[in-house]
Amino acid sequence: MNIDLIFRIAAIGILVSVLNALLNKSGREEQAMMTTLAGLVVVLMMIVKEIANLFDTVKTLFQF
């Protein structure tokens, strides 16, 4: 895991929070919620890839 992943997650979080605030101020709460969910799904997919890499590494480490 490198620091680039942490910066990408932070950038997505900042972008989603700004969009969420703008959409809530304009009265589009449903779209704000969908934006938040989309950001969450993107970040979770990034993390799932890293967890899969971790399991592959552990599997090859303990393979006989």
N, C-alpha and C. Protein backbone atom coordinates (compact mmCIF):
# COMPACT_ATOMS: atom_id res chain seq x y z
N MET A 1 0.85 -1.18 0.00
CA MET A 1 0.00 0.00 0.00
C MET A 1 0.88 1.23 0.00
N ASN A 2 0.57 2.15 -0.86
CA ASN A 2 1.38 3.36 -0.93
C ASN A 2 0.56 4.57 -0.50
N ILE A 3 1.22 5.67 -0.35
CA ILE A 3 0.59 6.90 0.12
C ILE A 3 -0.35 7.48 -0.94
N ASP A 4 -0.16 7.09 -2.19
CA ASP A 4 -1.01 7.58 -3.28
C ASP A 4 -2.47 7.17 -3.07
N LEU A 5 -2.69 5.98 -2.57
CA LEU A 5 -4.05 5.51 -2.31
C LEU A 5 -4.73 6.38 -1.26
N ILE A 6 -4.01 6.74 -0.23
CA ILE A 6 -4.58 7.59 0.84
C ILE A 6 -4.93 8.96 0.28
N PHE A 7 -4.08 9.52 -0.58
CA PHE A 7 -4.38 10.82 -1.18
C PHE A 7 -5.59 10.75 -2.10
N ARG A 8 -5.72 9.64 -2.85
CA ARG A 8 -6.90 9.49 -3.73
C ARG A 8 -8.17 9.39 -2.92
N ILE A 9 -8.15 8.65 -1.83
CA ILE A 9 -9.33 8.53 -0.97
C ILE A 9 -9.68 9.87 -0.35
N ALA A 10 -8.67 10.62 0.09
CA ALA A 10 -8.92 11.94 0.67
C ALA A 10 -9.49 12.90 -0.37
N ALA A 11 -8.98 12.85 -1.60
CA ALA A 11 -9.48 13.73 -2.66
C ALA A 11 -10.94 13.41 -2.98
N ILE A 12 -11.27 12.14 -3.03
CA ILE A 12 -12.66 11.74 -3.29
C ILE A 12 -13.55 12.22 -2.14
N GLY A 13 -13.09 12.09 -0.93
CA GLY A 13 -13.86 12.56 0.22
C GLY A 13 -14.10 14.05 0.20
N ILE A 14 -13.09 14.81 -0.15
CA ILE A 14 -13.25 16.27 -0.23
C ILE A 14 -14.21 16.64 -1.34
N LEU A 15 -14.06 16.02 -2.49
CA LEU A 15 -14.94 16.30 -3.63
C LEU A 15 -16.39 15.95 -3.31
N VAL A 16 -16.62 14.81 -2.69
CA VAL A 16 -17.97 14.39 -2.35
C VAL A 16 -18.58 15.32 -1.30
N SER A 17 -17.80 15.74 -0.34
CA SER A 17 -18.34 16.64 0.69
C SER A 17 -18.71 18.00 0.12
N VAL A 18 -17.91 18.52 -0.81
CA VAL A 18 -18.23 19.80 -1.44
C VAL A 18 -19.49 19.67 -2.29
N LEU A 19 -19.57 18.59 -3.09
CA LEU A 19 -20.77 18.38 -3.89
C LEU A 19 -22.00 18.18 -3.02
N ASN A 20 -21.84 17.47 -1.93
CA ASN A 20 -22.95 17.24 -1.01
C ASN A 20 -23.44 18.57 -0.42
N ALA A 21 -22.53 19.43 -0.01
CA ALA A 21 -22.93 20.72 0.56
C ALA A 21 -23.62 21.59 -0.49
N LEU A 22 -23.09 21.62 -1.70
CA LEU A 22 -23.70 22.43 -2.76
C LEU A 22 -25.10 21.92 -3.12
N LEU A 23 -25.24 20.62 -3.23
CA LEU A 23 -26.54 20.08 -3.58
C LEU A 23 -27.56 20.25 -2.46
N ASN A 24 -27.13 20.14 -1.22
CA ASN A 24 -28.05 20.36 -0.10
C ASN A 24 -28.50 21.81 -0.03
N LYS A 25 -27.60 22.75 -0.30
CA LYS A 25 -27.95 24.18 -0.28
C LYS A 25 -28.95 24.53 -1.38
N SER A 26 -28.86 23.82 -2.51
CA SER A 26 -29.77 24.12 -3.62
C SER A 26 -31.08 23.35 -3.53
N GLY A 27 -31.25 22.56 -2.47
CA GLY A 27 -32.50 21.86 -2.26
C GLY A 27 -32.61 20.53 -2.96
N ARG A 28 -31.51 19.96 -3.36
CA ARG A 28 -31.50 18.66 -4.05
C ARG A 28 -30.91 17.60 -3.14
N GLU A 29 -31.67 17.29 -2.09
CA GLU A 29 -31.17 16.36 -1.08
C GLU A 29 -31.02 14.94 -1.63
N GLU A 30 -31.91 14.54 -2.53
CA GLU A 30 -31.83 13.19 -3.10
C GLU A 30 -30.57 13.01 -3.92
N GLN A 31 -30.25 14.02 -4.72
CA GLN A 31 -29.03 13.95 -5.53
C GLN A 31 -27.78 14.03 -4.66
N ALA A 32 -27.86 14.77 -3.56
CA ALA A 32 -26.74 14.83 -2.63
C ALA A 32 -26.49 13.47 -2.00
N MET A 33 -27.57 12.77 -1.65
CA MET A 33 -27.42 11.44 -1.07
C MET A 33 -26.85 10.46 -2.09
N MET A 34 -27.30 10.55 -3.33
CA MET A 34 -26.78 9.66 -4.38
C MET A 34 -25.30 9.94 -4.65
N THR A 35 -24.90 11.20 -4.58
CA THR A 35 -23.49 11.55 -4.76
C THR A 35 -22.65 10.96 -3.63
N THR A 36 -23.16 11.05 -2.43
CA THR A 36 -22.45 10.49 -1.29
C THR A 36 -22.32 8.97 -1.41
N LEU A 37 -23.39 8.32 -1.82
CA LEU A 37 -23.34 6.87 -1.99
C LEU A 37 -22.39 6.47 -3.12
N ALA A 38 -22.37 7.24 -4.19
CA ALA A 38 -21.46 6.94 -5.30
C ALA A 38 -20.00 7.08 -4.85
N GLY A 39 -19.70 8.11 -4.08
CA GLY A 39 -18.35 8.28 -3.56
C GLY A 39 -17.96 7.15 -2.62
N LEU A 40 -18.89 6.72 -1.81
CA LEU A 40 -18.63 5.61 -0.90
C LEU A 40 -18.35 4.32 -1.67
N VAL A 41 -19.12 4.07 -2.71
CA VAL A 41 -18.92 2.86 -3.51
C VAL A 41 -17.56 2.89 -4.20
N VAL A 42 -17.16 4.05 -4.72
CA VAL A 42 -15.86 4.17 -5.39
C VAL A 42 -14.73 3.87 -4.41
N VAL A 43 -14.81 4.45 -3.23
CA VAL A 43 -13.76 4.23 -2.22
C VAL A 43 -13.75 2.77 -1.77
N LEU A 44 -14.92 2.19 -1.57
CA LEU A 44 -14.96 0.78 -1.16
C LEU A 44 -14.38 -0.13 -2.23
N MET A 45 -14.62 0.16 -3.49
CA MET A 45 -14.03 -0.65 -4.55
C MET A 45 -12.51 -0.55 -4.55
N MET A 46 -11.99 0.65 -4.28
CA MET A 46 -10.54 0.81 -4.19
C MET A 46 -9.98 -0.01 -3.03
N ILE A 47 -10.67 0.00 -1.91
CA ILE A 47 -10.20 -0.72 -0.74
C ILE A 47 -10.32 -2.23 -0.93
N VAL A 48 -11.38 -2.68 -1.61
CA VAL A 48 -11.56 -4.10 -1.85
C VAL A 48 -10.42 -4.65 -2.70
N LYS A 49 -9.97 -3.87 -3.67
CA LYS A 49 -8.83 -4.30 -4.49
C LYS A 49 -7.58 -4.48 -3.63
N GLU A 50 -7.36 -3.57 -2.71
CA GLU A 50 -6.19 -3.68 -1.84
C GLU A 50 -6.31 -4.86 -0.88
N ILE A 51 -7.50 -5.13 -0.39
CA ILE A 51 -7.70 -6.28 0.49
C ILE A 51 -7.49 -7.58 -0.28
N ALA A 52 -7.94 -7.61 -1.53
CA ALA A 52 -7.72 -8.80 -2.36
C ALA A 52 -6.23 -9.02 -2.59
N ASN A 53 -5.48 -7.94 -2.81
CA ASN A 53 -4.03 -8.06 -2.95
C ASN A 53 -3.39 -8.57 -1.66
N LEU A 54 -3.89 -8.11 -0.53
CA LEU A 54 -3.37 -8.58 0.76
C LEU A 54 -3.61 -10.08 0.93
N PHE A 55 -4.82 -10.55 0.62
CA PHE A 55 -5.11 -11.97 0.74
C PHE A 55 -4.26 -12.79 -0.21
N ASP A 56 -4.03 -12.30 -1.43
CA ASP A 56 -3.17 -13.02 -2.37
C ASP A 56 -1.73 -13.11 -1.85
N THR A 57 -1.26 -12.03 -1.25
CA THR A 57 0.08 -12.03 -0.70
C THR A 57 0.22 -13.01 0.45
N VAL A 58 -0.77 -13.02 1.34
CA VAL A 58 -0.74 -13.94 2.48
C VAL A 58 -0.85 -15.38 1.98
N LYS A 59 -1.67 -15.59 0.97
CA LYS A 59 -1.82 -16.95 0.41
C LYS A 59 -0.51 -17.46 -0.20
N THR A 60 0.19 -16.62 -0.94
CA THR A 60 1.46 -17.04 -1.53
C THR A 60 2.55 -17.15 -0.48
N LEU A 61 2.44 -16.39 0.58
CA LEU A 61 3.45 -16.45 1.64
C LEU A 61 3.39 -17.78 2.39
N PHE A 62 2.20 -18.28 2.64
CA PHE A 62 2.04 -19.50 3.41
C PHE A 62 1.81 -20.73 2.54
N GLN A 63 1.99 -20.59 1.26
CA GLN A 63 1.82 -21.74 0.36
C GLN A 63 3.04 -22.64 0.45
N PHE A 64 2.79 -23.96 0.43
CA PHE A 64 3.92 -24.90 0.55
C PHE A 64 4.34 -25.39 -0.78
